[in-house]
């Protein structure tokens, strides 16, 4: 099991699964859920190495550094902390 954290909350996710559903429960705002609108752009404060590589949508959107479009992320394992 992997863990997604934000502020004082955390939720478990199966290794290798998208994190969109638990992030919605943690308070991430979503729009298109396809990587086109940028509504779910979030900073990853810890555990970036535990997420999938940038998707083509993120690359086209210009996401870089510790930013991620949460709708595009899959957690490989471990923990990820988001700045929501």
C-alpha atoms as a PDB file:
ATOM      1  CA  UNK A   1       0.000   0.000   0.000  1.00  0.00           C
ATOM      2  CA  UNK A   2       1.143   3.513  -0.824  1.00  0.00           C
ATOM      3  CA  UNK A   3       0.184   6.652   1.110  1.00  0.00           C
ATOM      4  CA  UNK A   4      -0.822  10.110  -0.144  1.00  0.00           C
ATOM      5  CA  UNK A   5      -0.554  12.877   2.463  1.00  0.00           C
ATOM      6  CA  UNK A   6      -1.800  16.445   2.582  1.00  0.00           C
ATOM      7  CA  UNK A   7      -1.784  18.783   5.560  1.00  0.00           C
ATOM      8  CA  UNK A   8      -2.943  16.610   8.474  1.00  0.00           C
ATOM      9  CA  UNK A   9      -4.684  13.934   6.392  1.00  0.00           C
ATOM     10  CA  UNK A  10      -3.436  10.819   4.669  1.00  0.00           C
ATOM     11  CA  UNK A  11      -5.035   8.094   2.579  1.00  0.00           C
ATOM     12  CA  UNK A  12      -3.898   4.710   1.341  1.00  0.00           C
ATOM     13  CA  UNK A  13      -3.679   3.795  -2.332  1.00  0.00           C
ATOM     14  CA  UNK A  14      -2.760   0.504  -3.966  1.00  0.00           C
ATOM     15  CA  UNK A  15       0.771   0.528  -5.419  1.00  0.00           C
ATOM     16  CA  UNK A  16       0.628   1.297  -9.147  1.00  0.00           C
ATOM     17  CA  UNK A  17      -2.757   3.031  -8.998  1.00  0.00           C
ATOM     18  CA  UNK A  18      -3.798   6.576 -10.032  1.00  0.00           C
ATOM     19  CA  UNK A  19      -4.105   8.949  -7.068  1.00  0.00           C
ATOM     20  CA  UNK A  20      -6.966  11.048  -8.464  1.00  0.00           C
ATOM     21  CA  UNK A  21      -9.720   9.527  -6.299  1.00  0.00           C
ATOM     22  CA  UNK A  22      -7.960   9.889  -2.953  1.00  0.00           C
ATOM     23  CA  UNK A  23      -6.744  13.363  -3.868  1.00  0.00           C
ATOM     24  CA  UNK A  24     -10.295  14.464  -4.532  1.00  0.00           C
ATOM     25  CA  UNK A  25     -11.151  13.344  -0.994  1.00  0.00           C
ATOM     26  CA  UNK A  26      -8.106  15.259   0.299  1.00  0.00           C
ATOM     27  CA  UNK A  27      -9.326  18.481  -1.325  1.00  0.00           C
ATOM     28  CA  UNK A  28      -7.634  18.721  -4.723  1.00  0.00           C
ATOM     29  CA  UNK A  29      -9.817  20.661  -7.155  1.00  0.00           C
ATOM     30  CA  UNK A  30     -10.425  18.925 -10.504  1.00  0.00           C
ATOM     31  CA  UNK A  31     -11.834  20.117 -13.795  1.00  0.00           C
ATOM     32  CA  UNK A  32     -11.401  18.057 -16.974  1.00  0.00           C
ATOM     33  CA  UNK A  33      -9.505  15.156 -15.310  1.00  0.00           C
ATOM     34  CA  UNK A  34      -7.621  14.652 -18.580  1.00  0.00           C
ATOM     35  CA  UNK A  35      -4.583  16.915 -18.113  1.00  0.00           C
ATOM     36  CA  UNK A  36      -5.912  19.751 -20.257  1.00  0.00           C
ATOM     37  CA  UNK A  37      -7.239  22.409 -17.855  1.00  0.00           C
ATOM     38  CA  UNK A  38      -4.619  22.628 -15.079  1.00  0.00           C
ATOM     39  CA  UNK A  39      -7.166  22.831 -12.253  1.00  0.00           C
ATOM     40  CA  UNK A  40      -5.412  20.037 -10.330  1.00  0.00           C
ATOM     41  CA  UNK A  41      -1.905  21.519 -10.623  1.00  0.00           C
ATOM     42  CA  UNK A  42      -0.313  20.814  -7.232  1.00  0.00           C
ATOM     43  CA  UNK A  43       3.137  20.989  -5.665  1.00  0.00           C
ATOM     44  CA  UNK A  44       4.614  17.728  -4.420  1.00  0.00           C
ATOM     45  CA  UNK A  45       6.531  18.577  -1.236  1.00  0.00           C
ATOM     46  CA  UNK A  46       7.903  15.076  -0.653  1.00  0.00           C
ATOM     47  CA  UNK A  47       8.025  11.771  -2.502  1.00  0.00           C
ATOM     48  CA  UNK A  48       8.162  12.964  -6.119  1.00  0.00           C
ATOM     49  CA  UNK A  49      10.301   9.892  -6.884  1.00  0.00           C
ATOM     50  CA  UNK A  50       7.339   7.694  -5.892  1.00  0.00           C
ATOM     51  CA  UNK A  51       5.148   9.053  -8.695  1.00  0.00           C
ATOM     52  CA  UNK A  52       5.027   8.073 -12.353  1.00  0.00           C
ATOM     53  CA  UNK A  53       7.060  10.029 -14.888  1.00  0.00           C
ATOM     54  CA  UNK A  54       5.517  13.209 -16.317  1.00  0.00           C
ATOM     55  CA  UNK A  55       2.744  12.338 -18.784  1.00  0.00           C
ATOM     56  CA  UNK A  56       2.601  13.783 -22.290  1.00  0.00           C
ATOM     57  CA  UNK A  57      -0.240  16.044 -21.104  1.00  0.00           C
ATOM     58  CA  UNK A  58       1.945  17.398 -18.290  1.00  0.00           C
ATOM     59  CA  UNK A  59       4.824  18.004 -20.689  1.00  0.00           C
ATOM     60  CA  UNK A  60       2.535  19.866 -23.107  1.00  0.00           C
ATOM     61  CA  UNK A  61       1.119  21.894 -20.200  1.00  0.00           C
ATOM     62  CA  UNK A  62       4.667  22.907 -19.188  1.00  0.00           C
ATOM     63  CA  UNK A  63       4.644  21.269 -15.756  1.00  0.00           C
ATOM     64  CA  UNK A  64       8.115  21.163 -14.185  1.00  0.00           C
ATOM     65  CA  UNK A  65      10.021  20.985 -10.930  1.00  0.00           C
ATOM     66  CA  UNK A  66       7.828  19.761  -8.088  1.00  0.00           C
ATOM     67  CA  UNK A  67       4.583  20.551  -9.899  1.00  0.00           C
ATOM     68  CA  UNK A  68       2.243  17.793 -11.054  1.00  0.00           C
ATOM     69  CA  UNK A  69      -1.185  17.531 -12.604  1.00  0.00           C
ATOM     70  CA  UNK A  70      -2.680  15.160 -10.053  1.00  0.00           C
ATOM     71  CA  UNK A  71      -5.124  13.692 -12.580  1.00  0.00           C
ATOM     72  CA  UNK A  72      -2.094  12.318 -14.437  1.00  0.00           C
ATOM     73  CA  UNK A  73      -0.223  10.759 -11.495  1.00  0.00           C
ATOM     74  CA  UNK A  74       0.185   7.123 -10.612  1.00  0.00           C
ATOM     75  CA  UNK A  75       1.873   6.278  -7.320  1.00  0.00           C
ATOM     76  CA  UNK A  76       4.475   3.541  -7.692  1.00  0.00           C
ATOM     77  CA  UNK A  77       4.851   2.861  -3.955  1.00  0.00           C
ATOM     78  CA  UNK A  78       5.852   4.622  -0.746  1.00  0.00           C
ATOM     79  CA  UNK A  79       4.572   8.018   0.363  1.00  0.00           C
ATOM     80  CA  UNK A  80       3.783  11.266  -1.424  1.00  0.00           C
ATOM     81  CA  UNK A  81       3.029  14.563   0.308  1.00  0.00           C
ATOM     82  CA  UNK A  82       1.063  17.238  -1.555  1.00  0.00           C
ATOM     83  CA  UNK A  83       0.790  20.969  -0.867  1.00  0.00           C
ATOM     84  CA  UNK A  84      -2.969  21.416  -1.149  1.00  0.00           C
END
